[in-house]
Amino acid sequence: MSELSDWLAVTREDGETVGYLEPLTMEYDTVQPRTLLGHALGAPEDFEAGEERLIEHGISELAEPWVLDAGTEGEVAGLTIIELSPHGVLLADYLATKGLMATENLHVAWPDLEERLTRR
């Protein structure tokens, strides 16, 4: 596995970052496409195909409801991503945030390589 600093951001024509390419070889000829959360998107492939996959995938999944694997405490369902940065992923109750209600926030480390977050 490469270092996080080796990941290359992939951007759309409008400059929006849509994901990352994790190099699996020193020459970057085989990469693992990764979503903005750091989740693997499909199988490893060549650089150009990985870039195209990420652009096609886009960022719309970030607006979807998410489930957090809270380990021994089970799952926390019905979450929305309210902030995504190198400092982590900040989550809150999906319905409460849509109603502009105050809610307790949860934090997940970024990138979420353990894939503790899943869509439902």
N, C-alpha and C. Protein backbone atom coordinates (compact mmCIF):
# COMPACT_ATOMS: atom_id res chain seq x y z
N MET A 1 0.84 -1.18 0.00
CA MET A 1 0.00 0.00 0.00
C MET A 1 0.89 1.24 0.00
N SER A 2 0.52 2.20 -0.78
CA SER A 2 1.30 3.42 -0.89
C SER A 2 0.99 4.36 0.27
N GLU A 3 1.78 5.39 0.37
CA GLU A 3 1.55 6.44 1.35
C GLU A 3 0.41 7.33 0.87
N LEU A 4 -0.33 7.87 1.81
CA LEU A 4 -1.42 8.78 1.47
C LEU A 4 -0.91 9.97 0.65
N SER A 5 0.30 10.40 0.92
CA SER A 5 0.87 11.53 0.19
C SER A 5 1.11 11.21 -1.29
N ASP A 6 1.11 9.91 -1.65
CA ASP A 6 1.30 9.50 -3.04
C ASP A 6 -0.01 9.51 -3.83
N TRP A 7 -1.14 9.58 -3.14
CA TRP A 7 -2.44 9.57 -3.82
C TRP A 7 -2.55 10.83 -4.68
N LEU A 8 -3.10 10.67 -5.87
CA LEU A 8 -3.31 11.80 -6.78
C LEU A 8 -4.78 12.15 -6.82
N ALA A 9 -5.09 13.43 -6.60
CA ALA A 9 -6.47 13.88 -6.69
C ALA A 9 -6.91 13.90 -8.16
N VAL A 10 -8.13 13.46 -8.41
CA VAL A 10 -8.73 13.50 -9.74
C VAL A 10 -9.82 14.55 -9.71
N THR A 11 -9.76 15.48 -10.66
CA THR A 11 -10.74 16.56 -10.71
C THR A 11 -11.52 16.54 -12.02
N ARG A 12 -12.76 17.03 -11.92
CA ARG A 12 -13.59 17.20 -13.11
C ARG A 12 -13.15 18.47 -13.84
N GLU A 13 -13.78 18.72 -14.98
CA GLU A 13 -13.46 19.92 -15.77
C GLU A 13 -13.71 21.20 -14.97
N ASP A 14 -14.69 21.17 -14.04
CA ASP A 14 -15.00 22.37 -13.26
C ASP A 14 -14.07 22.55 -12.06
N GLY A 15 -13.08 21.66 -11.90
CA GLY A 15 -12.11 21.77 -10.82
C GLY A 15 -12.49 21.05 -9.54
N GLU A 16 -13.69 20.45 -9.48
CA GLU A 16 -14.14 19.73 -8.30
C GLU A 16 -13.41 18.39 -8.20
N THR A 17 -12.82 18.10 -7.04
CA THR A 17 -12.17 16.82 -6.81
C THR A 17 -13.23 15.74 -6.67
N VAL A 18 -13.07 14.63 -7.40
CA VAL A 18 -14.05 13.54 -7.38
C VAL A 18 -13.51 12.27 -6.76
N GLY A 19 -12.22 12.23 -6.44
CA GLY A 19 -11.64 11.05 -5.85
C GLY A 19 -10.13 11.07 -5.99
N TYR A 20 -9.54 9.91 -5.76
CA TYR A 20 -8.08 9.81 -5.75
C TYR A 20 -7.63 8.54 -6.45
N LEU A 21 -6.43 8.58 -6.96
CA LEU A 21 -5.78 7.40 -7.51
C LEU A 21 -4.63 7.03 -6.59
N GLU A 22 -4.72 5.84 -6.03
CA GLU A 22 -3.65 5.32 -5.18
C GLU A 22 -2.73 4.49 -6.06
N PRO A 23 -1.47 4.88 -6.20
CA PRO A 23 -0.56 4.11 -7.04
C PRO A 23 -0.22 2.76 -6.41
N LEU A 24 -0.30 1.72 -7.21
CA LEU A 24 0.07 0.39 -6.74
C LEU A 24 1.44 -0.02 -7.28
N THR A 25 1.93 0.77 -8.24
CA THR A 25 3.29 0.59 -8.77
C THR A 25 3.99 1.95 -8.74
N MET A 26 5.30 1.94 -8.71
CA MET A 26 6.06 3.19 -8.66
C MET A 26 5.82 4.06 -9.89
N GLU A 27 5.48 3.44 -11.00
CA GLU A 27 5.28 4.17 -12.25
C GLU A 27 3.84 4.69 -12.40
N TYR A 28 2.97 4.39 -11.44
CA TYR A 28 1.56 4.78 -11.49
C TYR A 28 0.84 4.14 -12.68
N ASP A 29 1.37 3.03 -13.22
CA ASP A 29 0.68 2.40 -14.34
C ASP A 29 -0.45 1.49 -13.86
N THR A 30 -0.45 1.12 -12.59
CA THR A 30 -1.57 0.41 -11.98
C THR A 30 -1.97 1.20 -10.74
N VAL A 31 -3.24 1.56 -10.68
CA VAL A 31 -3.73 2.39 -9.57
C VAL A 31 -5.02 1.79 -9.01
N GLN A 32 -5.31 2.16 -7.76
CA GLN A 32 -6.58 1.80 -7.14
C GLN A 32 -7.40 3.09 -7.07
N PRO A 33 -8.50 3.18 -7.85
CA PRO A 33 -9.37 4.36 -7.72
C PRO A 33 -10.01 4.37 -6.34
N ARG A 34 -10.07 5.54 -5.72
CA ARG A 34 -10.66 5.69 -4.39
C ARG A 34 -11.60 6.89 -4.38
N THR A 35 -12.75 6.71 -3.74
CA THR A 35 -13.73 7.78 -3.64
C THR A 35 -13.20 8.89 -2.73
N LEU A 36 -13.97 9.95 -2.59
CA LEU A 36 -13.56 11.02 -1.70
C LEU A 36 -13.41 10.56 -0.25
N LEU A 37 -14.13 9.51 0.11
CA LEU A 37 -14.01 8.96 1.46
C LEU A 37 -12.78 8.07 1.61
N GLY A 38 -12.15 7.72 0.49
CA GLY A 38 -11.01 6.82 0.53
C GLY A 38 -11.37 5.37 0.28
N HIS A 39 -12.64 5.10 -0.02
CA HIS A 39 -13.09 3.74 -0.29
C HIS A 39 -12.61 3.31 -1.67
N ALA A 40 -12.22 2.04 -1.80
CA ALA A 40 -11.84 1.50 -3.10
C ALA A 40 -13.06 1.52 -4.02
N LEU A 41 -12.87 1.95 -5.25
CA LEU A 41 -13.94 1.99 -6.24
C LEU A 41 -13.56 1.02 -7.36
N GLY A 42 -14.06 -0.20 -7.26
CA GLY A 42 -13.74 -1.21 -8.25
C GLY A 42 -12.36 -1.79 -8.02
N ALA A 43 -11.92 -2.52 -9.01
CA ALA A 43 -10.62 -3.21 -8.95
C ALA A 43 -9.51 -2.28 -9.42
N PRO A 44 -8.27 -2.58 -9.07
CA PRO A 44 -7.15 -1.81 -9.61
C PRO A 44 -7.15 -1.86 -11.14
N GLU A 45 -6.70 -0.78 -11.74
CA GLU A 45 -6.66 -0.69 -13.21
C GLU A 45 -5.60 0.30 -13.63
N ASP A 46 -5.49 0.53 -14.95
CA ASP A 46 -4.49 1.48 -15.40
C ASP A 46 -4.93 2.91 -15.07
N PHE A 47 -3.98 3.81 -15.11
CA PHE A 47 -4.18 5.19 -14.68
C PHE A 47 -5.39 5.85 -15.37
N GLU A 48 -5.42 5.79 -16.68
CA GLU A 48 -6.48 6.46 -17.44
C GLU A 48 -7.86 5.88 -17.13
N ALA A 49 -7.96 4.57 -17.05
CA ALA A 49 -9.25 3.94 -16.74
C ALA A 49 -9.70 4.30 -15.32
N GLY A 50 -8.75 4.36 -14.38
CA GLY A 50 -9.09 4.74 -13.01
C GLY A 50 -9.59 6.16 -12.93
N GLU A 51 -8.94 7.04 -13.66
CA GLU A 51 -9.35 8.44 -13.71
C GLU A 51 -10.77 8.56 -14.28
N GLU A 52 -11.04 7.87 -15.37
CA GLU A 52 -12.37 7.89 -15.99
C GLU A 52 -13.43 7.33 -15.05
N ARG A 53 -13.11 6.25 -14.33
CA ARG A 53 -14.06 5.65 -13.40
C ARG A 53 -14.46 6.67 -12.32
N LEU A 54 -13.49 7.39 -11.77
CA LEU A 54 -13.78 8.36 -10.73
C LEU A 54 -14.62 9.52 -11.26
N ILE A 55 -14.32 9.99 -12.45
CA ILE A 55 -15.09 11.10 -13.03
C ILE A 55 -16.53 10.66 -13.28
N GLU A 56 -16.71 9.45 -13.78
CA GLU A 56 -18.07 8.92 -14.01
C GLU A 56 -18.81 8.73 -12.69
N HIS A 57 -18.11 8.29 -11.66
CA HIS A 57 -18.74 8.04 -10.35
C HIS A 57 -19.22 9.34 -9.71
N GLY A 58 -18.41 10.39 -9.81
CA GLY A 58 -18.79 11.69 -9.28
C GLY A 58 -18.81 11.75 -7.76
N ILE A 59 -19.54 12.75 -7.25
CA ILE A 59 -19.58 13.00 -5.81
C ILE A 59 -20.99 12.94 -5.23
N SER A 60 -21.97 12.58 -6.03
CA SER A 60 -23.36 12.62 -5.55
C SER A 60 -23.61 11.71 -4.37
N GLU A 61 -22.79 10.65 -4.21
CA GLU A 61 -23.00 9.73 -3.09
C GLU A 61 -22.84 10.43 -1.74
N LEU A 62 -22.12 11.54 -1.71
CA LEU A 62 -21.91 12.24 -0.44
C LEU A 62 -23.21 12.77 0.14
N ALA A 63 -24.22 12.99 -0.69
CA ALA A 63 -25.51 13.50 -0.22
C ALA A 63 -26.45 12.40 0.25
N GLU A 64 -26.05 11.15 0.10
CA GLU A 64 -26.89 10.00 0.47
C GLU A 64 -26.84 9.75 1.98
N PRO A 65 -27.84 9.03 2.52
CA PRO A 65 -27.75 8.60 3.92
C PRO A 65 -26.68 7.53 4.09
N TRP A 66 -26.00 7.53 5.24
CA TRP A 66 -24.91 6.61 5.52
C TRP A 66 -25.16 5.86 6.81
N VAL A 67 -24.49 4.72 6.94
CA VAL A 67 -24.51 3.90 8.15
C VAL A 67 -23.07 3.81 8.63
N LEU A 68 -22.88 4.00 9.95
CA LEU A 68 -21.55 3.92 10.55
C LEU A 68 -21.44 2.63 11.35
N ASP A 69 -20.41 1.86 11.05
CA ASP A 69 -20.09 0.68 11.85
C ASP A 69 -19.40 1.20 13.11
N ALA A 70 -20.11 1.13 14.23
CA ALA A 70 -19.59 1.66 15.49
C ALA A 70 -18.91 0.58 16.32
N GLY A 71 -18.47 -0.49 15.68
CA GLY A 71 -17.75 -1.55 16.37
C GLY A 71 -18.63 -2.33 17.31
N THR A 72 -18.21 -2.45 18.54
CA THR A 72 -18.96 -3.23 19.53
C THR A 72 -20.31 -2.60 19.87
N GLU A 73 -20.48 -1.33 19.54
CA GLU A 73 -21.74 -0.64 19.81
C GLU A 73 -22.76 -0.84 18.69
N GLY A 74 -22.41 -1.61 17.67
CA GLY A 74 -23.33 -1.87 16.56
C GLY A 74 -23.21 -0.84 15.46
N GLU A 75 -24.34 -0.53 14.84
CA GLU A 75 -24.38 0.42 13.73
C GLU A 75 -25.17 1.65 14.12
N VAL A 76 -24.79 2.77 13.51
CA VAL A 76 -25.56 4.00 13.64
C VAL A 76 -26.03 4.33 12.23
N ALA A 77 -27.34 4.25 12.03
CA ALA A 77 -27.92 4.45 10.69
C ALA A 77 -28.47 5.87 10.56
N GLY A 78 -28.80 6.24 9.33
CA GLY A 78 -29.45 7.51 9.05
C GLY A 78 -28.56 8.71 9.25
N LEU A 79 -27.32 8.61 8.79
CA LEU A 79 -26.37 9.71 8.95
C LEU A 79 -26.14 10.42 7.63
N THR A 80 -25.77 11.68 7.72
CA THR A 80 -25.39 12.45 6.55
C THR A 80 -23.99 13.03 6.79
N ILE A 81 -23.25 13.18 5.73
CA ILE A 81 -21.91 13.78 5.81
C ILE A 81 -22.10 15.29 5.80
N ILE A 82 -21.63 15.95 6.85
CA ILE A 82 -21.75 17.41 6.90
C ILE A 82 -20.41 18.10 6.65
N GLU A 83 -19.31 17.34 6.76
CA GLU A 83 -18.00 17.90 6.45
C GLU A 83 -17.05 16.76 6.09
N LEU A 84 -16.24 17.00 5.09
CA LEU A 84 -15.25 16.02 4.65
C LEU A 84 -13.95 16.77 4.38
N SER A 85 -12.91 16.40 5.13
CA SER A 85 -11.62 17.06 4.96
C SER A 85 -10.53 16.09 5.42
N PRO A 86 -9.27 16.45 5.21
CA PRO A 86 -8.19 15.60 5.71
C PRO A 86 -8.22 15.43 7.23
N HIS A 87 -8.97 16.28 7.93
CA HIS A 87 -9.10 16.17 9.38
C HIS A 87 -10.12 15.12 9.79
N GLY A 88 -10.92 14.64 8.83
CA GLY A 88 -11.89 13.59 9.11
C GLY A 88 -13.21 13.81 8.42
N VAL A 89 -14.13 12.89 8.69
CA VAL A 89 -15.48 12.94 8.15
C VAL A 89 -16.40 13.23 9.32
N LEU A 90 -17.15 14.32 9.23
CA LEU A 90 -18.09 14.71 10.27
C LEU A 90 -19.48 14.31 9.82
N LEU A 91 -20.19 13.58 10.68
CA LEU A 91 -21.51 13.06 10.35
C LEU A 91 -22.54 13.53 11.37
N ALA A 92 -23.79 13.61 10.92
CA ALA A 92 -24.89 13.98 11.80
C ALA A 92 -26.14 13.23 11.35
N ASP A 93 -27.17 13.26 12.18
CA ASP A 93 -28.44 12.61 11.86
C ASP A 93 -29.01 13.22 10.57
N TYR A 94 -29.30 12.36 9.59
CA TYR A 94 -29.75 12.79 8.26
C TYR A 94 -31.03 13.62 8.33
N LEU A 95 -32.05 13.13 9.00
CA LEU A 95 -33.34 13.83 9.05
C LEU A 95 -33.26 15.10 9.87
N ALA A 96 -32.54 15.08 10.98
CA ALA A 96 -32.43 16.27 11.82
C ALA A 96 -31.75 17.41 11.06
N THR A 97 -30.72 17.10 10.30
CA THR A 97 -30.03 18.16 9.57
C THR A 97 -30.89 18.71 8.45
N LYS A 98 -31.73 17.87 7.85
CA LYS A 98 -32.63 18.36 6.79
C LYS A 98 -33.66 19.31 7.37
N GLY A 99 -34.04 19.09 8.64
CA GLY A 99 -34.99 19.95 9.32
C GLY A 99 -34.32 21.08 10.09
N LEU A 100 -33.02 21.26 9.86
CA LEU A 100 -32.22 22.30 10.51
C LEU A 100 -32.26 22.22 12.03
N MET A 101 -32.34 21.00 12.54
CA MET A 101 -32.35 20.78 13.98
C MET A 101 -30.94 20.47 14.46
N ALA A 102 -30.64 20.86 15.69
CA ALA A 102 -29.33 20.56 16.27
C ALA A 102 -29.23 19.05 16.50
N THR A 103 -28.06 18.52 16.27
CA THR A 103 -27.84 17.09 16.42
C THR A 103 -26.40 16.84 16.86
N GLU A 104 -26.18 15.71 17.53
CA GLU A 104 -24.83 15.33 17.93
C GLU A 104 -24.05 14.89 16.69
N ASN A 105 -22.83 15.34 16.57
CA ASN A 105 -21.99 14.97 15.44
C ASN A 105 -21.10 13.79 15.79
N LEU A 106 -20.83 12.96 14.80
CA LEU A 106 -19.91 11.83 14.93
C LEU A 106 -18.72 12.09 14.02
N HIS A 107 -17.58 11.54 14.37
CA HIS A 107 -16.35 11.76 13.61
C HIS A 107 -15.75 10.42 13.20
N VAL A 108 -15.33 10.33 11.94
CA VAL A 108 -14.62 9.16 11.41
C VAL A 108 -13.33 9.67 10.79
N ALA A 109 -12.25 8.95 11.02
CA ALA A 109 -10.96 9.34 10.44
C ALA A 109 -11.02 9.29 8.92
N TRP A 110 -10.27 10.20 8.28
CA TRP A 110 -10.15 10.20 6.82
C TRP A 110 -8.70 9.87 6.48
N PRO A 111 -8.49 9.07 5.48
CA PRO A 111 -9.48 8.35 4.66
C PRO A 111 -10.06 7.17 5.44
N ASP A 112 -11.27 6.82 5.10
CA ASP A 112 -11.99 5.72 5.76
C ASP A 112 -11.59 4.40 5.10
N LEU A 113 -10.34 4.00 5.29
CA LEU A 113 -9.82 2.79 4.65
C LEU A 113 -10.46 1.53 5.21
N GLU A 114 -10.96 1.59 6.43
CA GLU A 114 -11.64 0.45 7.04
C GLU A 114 -13.08 0.33 6.54
N GLU A 115 -13.51 1.32 5.77
CA GLU A 115 -14.87 1.39 5.23
C GLU A 115 -15.93 1.20 6.32
N ARG A 116 -15.75 2.00 7.37
CA ARG A 116 -16.73 2.01 8.45
C ARG A 116 -18.04 2.64 8.00
N LEU A 117 -17.99 3.47 6.97
CA LEU A 117 -19.18 4.10 6.42
C LEU A 117 -19.67 3.33 5.20
N THR A 118 -20.96 3.02 5.19
CA THR A 118 -21.59 2.38 4.04
C THR A 118 -22.90 3.09 3.73
N ARG A 119 -23.31 3.02 2.48
CA ARG A 119 -24.60 3.62 2.09
C ARG A 119 -25.71 2.62 2.28
N ARG A 120 -26.89 3.11 2.59
CA ARG A 120 -28.07 2.26 2.69
C ARG A 120 -29.14 2.79 1.80
